[in-house]
């Protein structure tokens, strides 16, 4: 059975960025509330290299809650065989 990793992110209609777009980001934390942007505003866009990337923030207040990929069988900054569920 494949491992599941759940990521709670800010909600948008299109995730195509905010600059010059009618979309807004809702939820996702205080940084987004204060700056009206966040790393996830471009989640799910196909990049020039053909890949699709997603961002989930790990910092809460002054605490960085690192994602420990080794718990998913990964090494370094990579892991495979994991299904990511964006909520």
PDB file of N, CA and C in Angstrom:
ATOM      1  N   UNK A   1       0.843  -1.176   0.000  1.00  0.00           N
ATOM      2  CA  UNK A   1       0.000   0.000   0.000  1.00  0.00           C
ATOM      3  C   UNK A   1       0.895   1.247   0.000  1.00  0.00           C
ATOM      4  N   UNK A   2       0.552   2.207  -0.830  1.00  0.00           N
ATOM      5  CA  UNK A   2       1.315   3.454  -0.913  1.00  0.00           C
ATOM      6  C   UNK A   2       1.051   4.311   0.327  1.00  0.00           C
ATOM      7  N   UNK A   3       2.066   5.068   0.708  1.00  0.00           N
ATOM      8  CA  UNK A   3       1.919   5.975   1.841  1.00  0.00           C
ATOM      9  C   UNK A   3       1.211   7.242   1.391  1.00  0.00           C
ATOM     10  N   UNK A   4       0.438   7.833   2.309  1.00  0.00           N
ATOM     11  CA  UNK A   4      -0.272   9.085   2.047  1.00  0.00           C
ATOM     12  C   UNK A   4       0.340  10.192   2.887  1.00  0.00           C
ATOM     13  N   UNK A   5       0.447  11.373   2.284  1.00  0.00           N
ATOM     14  CA  UNK A   5       0.932  12.554   2.987  1.00  0.00           C
ATOM     15  C   UNK A   5      -0.074  13.667   2.748  1.00  0.00           C
ATOM     16  N   UNK A   6      -0.705  14.146   3.814  1.00  0.00           N
ATOM     17  CA  UNK A   6      -1.736  15.180   3.715  1.00  0.00           C
ATOM     18  C   UNK A   6      -1.115  16.551   3.948  1.00  0.00           C
ATOM     19  N   UNK A   7      -1.397  17.501   3.047  1.00  0.00           N
ATOM     20  CA  UNK A   7      -0.883  18.868   3.144  1.00  0.00           C
ATOM     21  C   UNK A   7      -2.050  19.842   3.176  1.00  0.00           C
ATOM     22  N   UNK A   8      -2.118  20.634   4.233  1.00  0.00           N
ATOM     23  CA  UNK A   8      -3.163  21.643   4.370  1.00  0.00           C
ATOM     24  C   UNK A   8      -2.622  22.961   3.826  1.00  0.00           C
ATOM     25  N   UNK A   9      -3.238  23.479   2.780  1.00  0.00           N
ATOM     26  CA  UNK A   9      -2.756  24.696   2.126  1.00  0.00           C
ATOM     27  C   UNK A   9      -3.890  25.706   1.994  1.00  0.00           C
ATOM     28  N   UNK A  10      -3.533  26.931   1.644  1.00  0.00           N
ATOM     29  CA  UNK A  10      -4.540  27.945   1.354  1.00  0.00           C
ATOM     30  C   UNK A  10      -5.352  27.547   0.132  1.00  0.00           C
ATOM     31  N   UNK A  11      -6.607  27.967   0.085  1.00  0.00           N
ATOM     32  CA  UNK A  11      -7.516  27.568  -0.994  1.00  0.00           C
ATOM     33  C   UNK A  11      -7.611  28.664  -2.044  1.00  0.00           C
ATOM     34  N   UNK A  12      -7.564  28.257  -3.324  1.00  0.00           N
ATOM     35  CA  UNK A  12      -7.739  29.168  -4.458  1.00  0.00           C
ATOM     36  C   UNK A  12      -8.555  28.456  -5.527  1.00  0.00           C
ATOM     37  N   UNK A  13      -9.119  29.217  -6.432  1.00  0.00           N
ATOM     38  CA  UNK A  13      -9.833  28.610  -7.554  1.00  0.00           C
ATOM     39  C   UNK A  13      -8.880  28.014  -8.576  1.00  0.00           C
ATOM     40  N   UNK A  14      -7.785  28.739  -8.898  1.00  0.00           N
ATOM     41  CA  UNK A  14      -6.942  28.321 -10.019  1.00  0.00           C
ATOM     42  C   UNK A  14      -5.472  28.082  -9.680  1.00  0.00           C
ATOM     43  N   UNK A  15      -4.942  28.632  -8.621  1.00  0.00           N
ATOM     44  CA  UNK A  15      -3.523  28.505  -8.274  1.00  0.00           C
ATOM     45  C   UNK A  15      -2.624  28.940  -9.432  1.00  0.00           C
ATOM     46  N   UNK A  16      -2.924  30.072 -10.035  1.00  0.00           N
ATOM     47  CA  UNK A  16      -2.122  30.607 -11.144  1.00  0.00           C
ATOM     48  C   UNK A  16      -1.368  31.857 -10.714  1.00  0.00           C
ATOM     49  N   UNK A  17      -1.161  32.027  -9.436  1.00  0.00           N
ATOM     50  CA  UNK A  17      -0.528  33.232  -8.922  1.00  0.00           C
ATOM     51  C   UNK A  17      -1.570  34.300  -8.636  1.00  0.00           C
ATOM     52  N   UNK A  18      -1.111  35.422  -8.087  1.00  0.00           N
ATOM     53  CA  UNK A  18      -2.030  36.497  -7.722  1.00  0.00           C
ATOM     54  C   UNK A  18      -1.835  37.745  -8.570  1.00  0.00           C
ATOM     55  N   UNK A  19      -0.621  37.972  -9.059  1.00  0.00           N
ATOM     56  CA  UNK A  19      -0.319  39.183  -9.813  1.00  0.00           C
ATOM     57  C   UNK A  19      -1.105  39.216 -11.112  1.00  0.00           C
ATOM     58  N   UNK A  20      -1.961  40.213 -11.248  1.00  0.00           N
ATOM     59  CA  UNK A  20      -2.746  40.369 -12.466  1.00  0.00           C
ATOM     60  C   UNK A  20      -3.841  39.333 -12.643  1.00  0.00           C
ATOM     61  N   UNK A  21      -4.162  38.600 -11.599  1.00  0.00           N
ATOM     62  CA  UNK A  21      -5.182  37.548 -11.664  1.00  0.00           C
ATOM     63  C   UNK A  21      -6.339  37.898 -10.735  1.00  0.00           C
ATOM     64  N   UNK A  22      -7.547  37.447 -11.075  1.00  0.00           N
ATOM     65  CA  UNK A  22      -8.692  37.738 -10.206  1.00  0.00           C
ATOM     66  C   UNK A  22      -8.765  36.824  -8.981  1.00  0.00           C
ATOM     67  N   UNK A  23      -7.932  35.801  -8.929  1.00  0.00           N
ATOM     68  CA  UNK A  23      -7.982  34.814  -7.853  1.00  0.00           C
ATOM     69  C   UNK A  23      -7.458  35.398  -6.540  1.00  0.00           C
ATOM     70  N   UNK A  24      -7.961  34.898  -5.437  1.00  0.00           N
ATOM     71  CA  UNK A  24      -7.487  35.256  -4.099  1.00  0.00           C
ATOM     72  C   UNK A  24      -7.188  33.965  -3.362  1.00  0.00           C
ATOM     73  N   UNK A  25      -6.303  34.060  -2.371  1.00  0.00           N
ATOM     74  CA  UNK A  25      -6.002  32.895  -1.551  1.00  0.00           C
ATOM     75  C   UNK A  25      -6.698  33.057  -0.200  1.00  0.00           C
ATOM     76  N   UNK A  26      -7.315  31.990   0.265  1.00  0.00           N
ATOM     77  CA  UNK A  26      -8.077  32.003   1.510  1.00  0.00           C
ATOM     78  C   UNK A  26      -7.494  30.942   2.431  1.00  0.00           C
ATOM     79  N   UNK A  27      -7.248  31.317   3.658  1.00  0.00           N
ATOM     80  CA  UNK A  27      -6.689  30.369   4.617  1.00  0.00           C
ATOM     81  C   UNK A  27      -5.210  30.167   4.365  1.00  0.00           C
ATOM     82  N   UNK A  28      -4.631  29.247   5.089  1.00  0.00           N
ATOM     83  CA  UNK A  28      -3.232  28.951   4.875  1.00  0.00           C
ATOM     84  C   UNK A  28      -2.297  29.583   5.889  1.00  0.00           C
ATOM     85  N   UNK A  29      -2.796  30.465   6.733  1.00  0.00           N
ATOM     86  CA  UNK A  29      -1.947  30.977   7.796  1.00  0.00           C
ATOM     87  C   UNK A  29      -1.781  32.475   7.826  1.00  0.00           C
ATOM     88  N   UNK A  30      -1.071  32.941   8.855  1.00  0.00           N
ATOM     89  CA  UNK A  30      -0.929  34.374   9.100  1.00  0.00           C
ATOM     90  C   UNK A  30      -0.081  35.065   8.044  1.00  0.00           C
ATOM     91  N   UNK A  31       0.929  34.397   7.487  1.00  0.00           N
ATOM     92  CA  UNK A  31       1.757  35.036   6.455  1.00  0.00           C
ATOM     93  C   UNK A  31       0.893  35.440   5.269  1.00  0.00           C
ATOM     94  N   UNK A  32       0.032  34.556   4.851  1.00  0.00           N
ATOM     95  CA  UNK A  32      -0.858  34.847   3.725  1.00  0.00           C
ATOM     96  C   UNK A  32      -1.818  35.968   4.094  1.00  0.00           C
ATOM     97  N   UNK A  33      -2.352  35.932   5.301  1.00  0.00           N
ATOM     98  CA  UNK A  33      -3.261  36.991   5.745  1.00  0.00           C
ATOM     99  C   UNK A  33      -2.577  38.359   5.730  1.00  0.00           C
ATOM    100  N   UNK A  34      -1.323  38.410   6.152  1.00  0.00           N
ATOM    101  CA  UNK A  34      -0.597  39.675   6.250  1.00  0.00           C
ATOM    102  C   UNK A  34      -0.024  40.151   4.918  1.00  0.00           C
ATOM    103  N   UNK A  35       0.331  39.225   4.018  1.00  0.00           N
ATOM    104  CA  UNK A  35       1.033  39.584   2.789  1.00  0.00           C
ATOM    105  C   UNK A  35       0.236  39.330   1.516  1.00  0.00           C
ATOM    106  N   UNK A  36      -0.932  38.719   1.647  1.00  0.00           N
ATOM    107  CA  UNK A  36      -1.792  38.392   0.504  1.00  0.00           C
ATOM    108  C   UNK A  36      -1.065  37.582  -0.566  1.00  0.00           C
ATOM    109  N   UNK A  37      -0.155  36.754  -0.135  1.00  0.00           N
ATOM    110  CA  UNK A  37       0.537  35.831  -1.030  1.00  0.00           C
ATOM    111  C   UNK A  37       1.112  34.701  -0.192  1.00  0.00           C
ATOM    112  N   UNK A  38       1.601  33.698  -0.830  1.00  0.00           N
ATOM    113  CA  UNK A  38       2.223  32.577  -0.153  1.00  0.00           C
ATOM    114  C   UNK A  38       2.848  31.661  -1.184  1.00  0.00           C
ATOM    115  N   UNK A  39       3.652  30.727  -0.725  1.00  0.00           N
ATOM    116  CA  UNK A  39       4.331  29.822  -1.640  1.00  0.00           C
ATOM    117  C   UNK A  39       3.397  28.967  -2.464  1.00  0.00           C
ATOM    118  N   UNK A  40       2.195  28.740  -1.961  1.00  0.00           N
ATOM    119  CA  UNK A  40       1.275  27.844  -2.659  1.00  0.00           C
ATOM    120  C   UNK A  40       0.432  28.509  -3.737  1.00  0.00           C
ATOM    121  N   UNK A  41       0.612  29.804  -4.001  1.00  0.00           N
ATOM    122  CA  UNK A  41      -0.252  30.482  -4.979  1.00  0.00           C
ATOM    123  C   UNK A  41      -0.054  29.954  -6.398  1.00  0.00           C
ATOM    124  N   UNK A  42       1.043  29.261  -6.649  1.00  0.00           N
ATOM    125  CA  UNK A  42       1.281  28.682  -7.982  1.00  0.00           C
ATOM    126  C   UNK A  42       1.336  27.157  -7.934  1.00  0.00           C
ATOM    127  N   UNK A  43       0.778  26.553  -6.894  1.00  0.00           N
ATOM    128  CA  UNK A  43       0.723  25.089  -6.842  1.00  0.00           C
ATOM    129  C   UNK A  43       0.005  24.546  -8.069  1.00  0.00           C
ATOM    130  N   UNK A  44       0.459  23.427  -8.545  1.00  0.00           N
ATOM    131  CA  UNK A  44      -0.192  22.646  -9.603  1.00  0.00           C
ATOM    132  C   UNK A  44      -0.012  23.217 -11.004  1.00  0.00           C
ATOM    133  N   UNK A  45       0.753  24.294 -11.184  1.00  0.00           N
ATOM    134  CA  UNK A  45       1.027  24.788 -12.535  1.00  0.00           C
ATOM    135  C   UNK A  45       2.098  23.923 -13.177  1.00  0.00           C
ATOM    136  N   UNK A  46       1.931  23.616 -14.438  1.00  0.00           N
ATOM    137  CA  UNK A  46       2.957  22.873 -15.163  1.00  0.00           C
ATOM    138  C   UNK A  46       4.079  23.850 -15.501  1.00  0.00           C
ATOM    139  N   UNK A  47       5.302  23.518 -15.109  1.00  0.00           N
ATOM    140  CA  UNK A  47       6.444  24.399 -15.326  1.00  0.00           C
ATOM    141  C   UNK A  47       7.081  24.130 -16.684  1.00  0.00           C
ATOM    142  N   UNK A  48       8.058  24.963 -17.039  1.00  0.00           N
ATOM    143  CA  UNK A  48       8.740  24.816 -18.327  1.00  0.00           C
ATOM    144  C   UNK A  48       9.418  23.461 -18.473  1.00  0.00           C
ATOM    145  N   UNK A  49       9.835  22.852 -17.357  1.00  0.00           N
ATOM    146  CA  UNK A  49      10.482  21.540 -17.439  1.00  0.00           C
ATOM    147  C   UNK A  49       9.474  20.390 -17.470  1.00  0.00           C
ATOM    148  N   UNK A  50       8.173  20.722 -17.470  1.00  0.00           N
ATOM    149  CA  UNK A  50       7.133  19.706 -17.564  1.00  0.00           C
ATOM    150  C   UNK A  50       6.678  19.141 -16.232  1.00  0.00           C
ATOM    151  N   UNK A  51       7.312  19.553 -15.157  1.00  0.00           N
ATOM    152  CA  UNK A  51       6.941  19.065 -13.838  1.00  0.00           C
ATOM    153  C   UNK A  51       5.864  19.951 -13.220  1.00  0.00           C
ATOM    154  N   UNK A  52       5.167  19.394 -12.253  1.00  0.00           N
ATOM    155  CA  UNK A  52       4.187  20.135 -11.467  1.00  0.00           C
ATOM    156  C   UNK A  52       4.682  20.108 -10.025  1.00  0.00           C
ATOM    157  N   UNK A  53       4.786  21.281  -9.428  1.00  0.00           N
ATOM    158  CA  UNK A  53       5.293  21.383  -8.067  1.00  0.00           C
ATOM    159  C   UNK A  53       4.192  21.860  -7.129  1.00  0.00           C
ATOM    160  N   UNK A  54       4.368  21.562  -5.853  1.00  0.00           N
ATOM    161  CA  UNK A  54       3.448  22.041  -4.841  1.00  0.00           C
ATOM    162  C   UNK A  54       4.222  22.509  -3.623  1.00  0.00           C
ATOM    163  N   UNK A  55       3.702  23.509  -2.946  1.00  0.00           N
ATOM    164  CA  UNK A  55       4.344  24.052  -1.746  1.00  0.00           C
ATOM    165  C   UNK A  55       3.400  23.882  -0.563  1.00  0.00           C
ATOM    166  N   UNK A  56       3.956  23.446   0.529  1.00  0.00           N
ATOM    167  CA  UNK A  56       3.231  23.418   1.797  1.00  0.00           C
ATOM    168  C   UNK A  56       4.141  24.067   2.834  1.00  0.00           C
ATOM    169  N   UNK A  57       3.607  25.009   3.595  1.00  0.00           N
ATOM    170  CA  UNK A  57       4.418  25.726   4.587  1.00  0.00           C
ATOM    171  C   UNK A  57       4.580  24.883   5.835  1.00  0.00           C
ATOM    172  N   UNK A  58       5.812  24.812   6.334  1.00  0.00           N
ATOM    173  CA  UNK A  58       6.090  24.026   7.538  1.00  0.00           C
ATOM    174  C   UNK A  58       6.301  24.899   8.763  1.00  0.00           C
ATOM    175  N   UNK A  59       6.445  26.205   8.566  1.00  0.00           N
ATOM    176  CA  UNK A  59       6.717  27.101   9.692  1.00  0.00           C
ATOM    177  C   UNK A  59       5.401  27.566  10.317  1.00  0.00           C
ATOM    178  N   UNK A  60       5.323  27.428  11.621  1.00  0.00           N
ATOM    179  CA  UNK A  60       4.167  27.927  12.374  1.00  0.00           C
ATOM    180  C   UNK A  60       4.709  28.789  13.505  1.00  0.00           C
ATOM    181  N   UNK A  61       4.406  30.086  13.422  1.00  0.00           N
ATOM    182  CA  UNK A  61       4.977  31.084  14.343  1.00  0.00           C
ATOM    183  C   UNK A  61       6.493  31.023  14.218  1.00  0.00           C
ATOM    184  N   UNK A  62       7.216  30.716  15.297  1.00  0.00           N
ATOM    185  CA  UNK A  62       8.680  30.674  15.258  1.00  0.00           C
ATOM    186  C   UNK A  62       9.224  29.255  15.153  1.00  0.00           C
ATOM    187  N   UNK A  63       8.367  28.291  14.900  1.00  0.00           N
ATOM    188  CA  UNK A  63       8.784  26.887  14.901  1.00  0.00           C
ATOM    189  C   UNK A  63       8.698  26.299  13.496  1.00  0.00           C
ATOM    190  N   UNK A  64       9.821  25.804  12.989  1.00  0.00           N
ATOM    191  CA  UNK A  64       9.838  25.138  11.685  1.00  0.00           C
ATOM    192  C   UNK A  64       9.656  23.644  11.910  1.00  0.00           C
ATOM    193  N   UNK A  65       8.517  23.140  11.468  1.00  0.00           N
ATOM    194  CA  UNK A  65       8.181  21.725  11.629  1.00  0.00           C
ATOM    195  C   UNK A  65       8.601  20.997  10.363  1.00  0.00           C
ATOM    196  N   UNK A  66       9.841  20.592  10.289  1.00  0.00           N
ATOM    197  CA  UNK A  66      10.396  19.991   9.082  1.00  0.00           C
ATOM    198  C   UNK A  66       9.640  18.722   8.694  1.00  0.00           C
ATOM    199  N   UNK A  67       9.495  18.519   7.396  1.00  0.00           N
ATOM    200  CA  UNK A  67       8.920  17.277   6.875  1.00  0.00           C
ATOM    201  C   UNK A  67      10.045  16.255   6.830  1.00  0.00           C
ATOM    202  N   UNK A  68       9.905  15.190   7.552  1.00  0.00           N
ATOM    203  CA  UNK A  68      10.959  14.180   7.648  1.00  0.00           C
ATOM    204  C   UNK A  68      10.725  13.095   6.594  1.00  0.00           C
ATOM    205  N   UNK A  69      11.346  13.296   5.443  1.00  0.00           N
ATOM    206  CA  UNK A  69      11.137  12.374   4.326  1.00  0.00           C
ATOM    207  C   UNK A  69      11.619  10.964   4.634  1.00  0.00           C
ATOM    208  N   UNK A  70      12.562  10.811   5.549  1.00  0.00           N
ATOM    209  CA  UNK A  70      13.030   9.470   5.895  1.00  0.00           C
ATOM    210  C   UNK A  70      11.910   8.625   6.495  1.00  0.00           C
ATOM    211  N   UNK A  71      10.905   9.258   7.096  1.00  0.00           N
ATOM    212  CA  UNK A  71       9.779   8.491   7.634  1.00  0.00           C
ATOM    213  C   UNK A  71       8.900   7.928   6.516  1.00  0.00           C
ATOM    214  N   UNK A  72       9.112   8.423   5.290  1.00  0.00           N
ATOM    215  CA  UNK A  72       8.404   7.913   4.111  1.00  0.00           C
ATOM    216  C   UNK A  72       9.317   7.040   3.254  1.00  0.00           C
ATOM    217  N   UNK A  73      10.502   6.729   3.757  1.00  0.00           N
ATOM    218  CA  UNK A  73      11.448   5.926   3.000  1.00  0.00           C
ATOM    219  C   UNK A  73      12.355   6.751   2.103  1.00  0.00           C
ATOM    220  N   UNK A  74      12.346   8.068   2.264  1.00  0.00           N
ATOM    221  CA  UNK A  74      13.163   8.944   1.435  1.00  0.00           C
ATOM    222  C   UNK A  74      14.560   9.128   1.992  1.00  0.00           C
ATOM    223  N   UNK A  75      15.417   9.730   1.148  1.00  0.00           N
ATOM    224  CA  UNK A  75      16.783  10.081   1.551  1.00  0.00           C
ATOM    225  C   UNK A  75      17.051  11.496   1.089  1.00  0.00           C
ATOM    226  N   UNK A  76      17.657  12.290   1.969  1.00  0.00           N
ATOM    227  CA  UNK A  76      17.954  13.674   1.608  1.00  0.00           C
ATOM    228  C   UNK A  76      16.674  14.454   1.379  1.00  0.00           C
ATOM    229  N   UNK A  77      16.574  15.067   0.186  1.00  0.00           N
ATOM    230  CA  UNK A  77      15.390  15.880  -0.115  1.00  0.00           C
ATOM    231  C   UNK A  77      14.457  15.204  -1.109  1.00  0.00           C
ATOM    232  N   UNK A  78      14.529  13.867  -1.212  1.00  0.00           N
ATOM    233  CA  UNK A  78      13.687  13.146  -2.172  1.00  0.00           C
ATOM    234  C   UNK A  78      13.034  11.918  -1.544  1.00  0.00           C
ATOM    235  N   UNK A  79      11.844  11.623  -2.030  1.00  0.00           N
ATOM    236  CA  UNK A  79      11.129  10.405  -1.649  1.00  0.00           C
ATOM    237  C   UNK A  79      10.239  10.026  -2.824  1.00  0.00           C
ATOM    238  N   UNK A  80       9.957   8.756  -2.973  1.00  0.00           N
ATOM    239  CA  UNK A  80       9.075   8.316  -4.063  1.00  0.00           C
ATOM    240  C   UNK A  80       8.073   7.306  -3.521  1.00  0.00           C
ATOM    241  N   UNK A  81       7.038   7.050  -4.325  1.00  0.00           N
ATOM    242  CA  UNK A  81       6.018   6.096  -3.920  1.00  0.00           C
ATOM    243  C   UNK A  81       5.058   6.638  -2.875  1.00  0.00           C
ATOM    244  N   UNK A  82       4.894   7.966  -2.855  1.00  0.00           N
ATOM    245  CA  UNK A  82       4.018   8.621  -1.884  1.00  0.00           C
ATOM    246  C   UNK A  82       2.930   9.364  -2.637  1.00  0.00           C
ATOM    247  N   UNK A  83       1.701   9.219  -2.197  1.00  0.00           N
ATOM    248  CA  UNK A  83       0.602  10.012  -2.745  1.00  0.00           C
ATOM    249  C   UNK A  83       0.387  11.211  -1.832  1.00  0.00           C
ATOM    250  N   UNK A  84       0.428  12.416  -2.417  1.00  0.00           N
ATOM    251  CA  UNK A  84       0.226  13.648  -1.662  1.00  0.00           C
ATOM    252  C   UNK A  84      -1.217  14.092  -1.847  1.00  0.00           C
ATOM    253  N   UNK A  85      -1.896  14.332  -0.736  1.00  0.00           N
ATOM    254  CA  UNK A  85      -3.282  14.787  -0.754  1.00  0.00           C
ATOM    255  C   UNK A  85      -3.288  16.239  -0.299  1.00  0.00           C
ATOM    256  N   UNK A  86      -3.723  17.136  -1.187  1.00  0.00           N
ATOM    257  CA  UNK A  86      -3.763  18.570  -0.886  1.00  0.00           C
ATOM    258  C   UNK A  86      -5.149  18.913  -0.361  1.00  0.00           C
ATOM    259  N   UNK A  87      -5.209  19.441   0.879  1.00  0.00           N
ATOM    260  CA  UNK A  87      -6.504  19.776   1.473  1.00  0.00           C
ATOM    261  C   UNK A  87      -6.585  21.252   1.787  1.00  0.00           C
TER     262      UNK A  87
END
